[in-house]
Amino acid sequence: MAKENLTAILYGINDIRL
């Protein structure tokens, strides 16, 4: 569960950077 949350956050940062 925690790993999934971290992945979602990482994807969100990637979206902003892209």
C-alpha atoms as a PDB file:
ATOM      1  CA  MET A   1       0.000   0.000   0.000  1.00  0.00           C
ATOM      2  CA  ALA A   2       2.727   2.452   0.981  1.00  0.00           C
ATOM      3  CA  LYS A   3       4.723   1.541  -2.121  1.00  0.00           C
ATOM      4  CA  GLU A   4       1.714   2.269  -4.329  1.00  0.00           C
ATOM      5  CA  ASN A   5       1.363   5.712  -2.735  1.00  0.00           C
ATOM      6  CA  LEU A   6       5.051   6.460  -3.340  1.00  0.00           C
ATOM      7  CA  THR A   7       4.706   5.420  -6.976  1.00  0.00           C
ATOM      8  CA  ALA A   8       1.682   7.690  -7.417  1.00  0.00           C
ATOM      9  CA  ILE A   9       3.663  10.623  -5.955  1.00  0.00           C
ATOM     10  CA  LEU A  10       6.649   9.854  -8.206  1.00  0.00           C
ATOM     11  CA  TYR A  11       4.374   9.701 -11.243  1.00  0.00           C
ATOM     12  CA  GLY A  12       2.806  13.028 -10.233  1.00  0.00           C
ATOM     13  CA  ILE A  13       6.247  14.673 -10.032  1.00  0.00           C
ATOM     14  CA  ASN A  14       7.141  13.173 -13.419  1.00  0.00           C
ATOM     15  CA  ASP A  15       3.932  14.606 -14.914  1.00  0.00           C
ATOM     16  CA  ILE A  16       4.776  18.087 -13.610  1.00  0.00           C
ATOM     17  CA  ARG A  17       8.369  17.828 -14.873  1.00  0.00           C
ATOM     18  CA  LEU A  18       7.218  16.614 -18.304  1.00  0.00           C
END
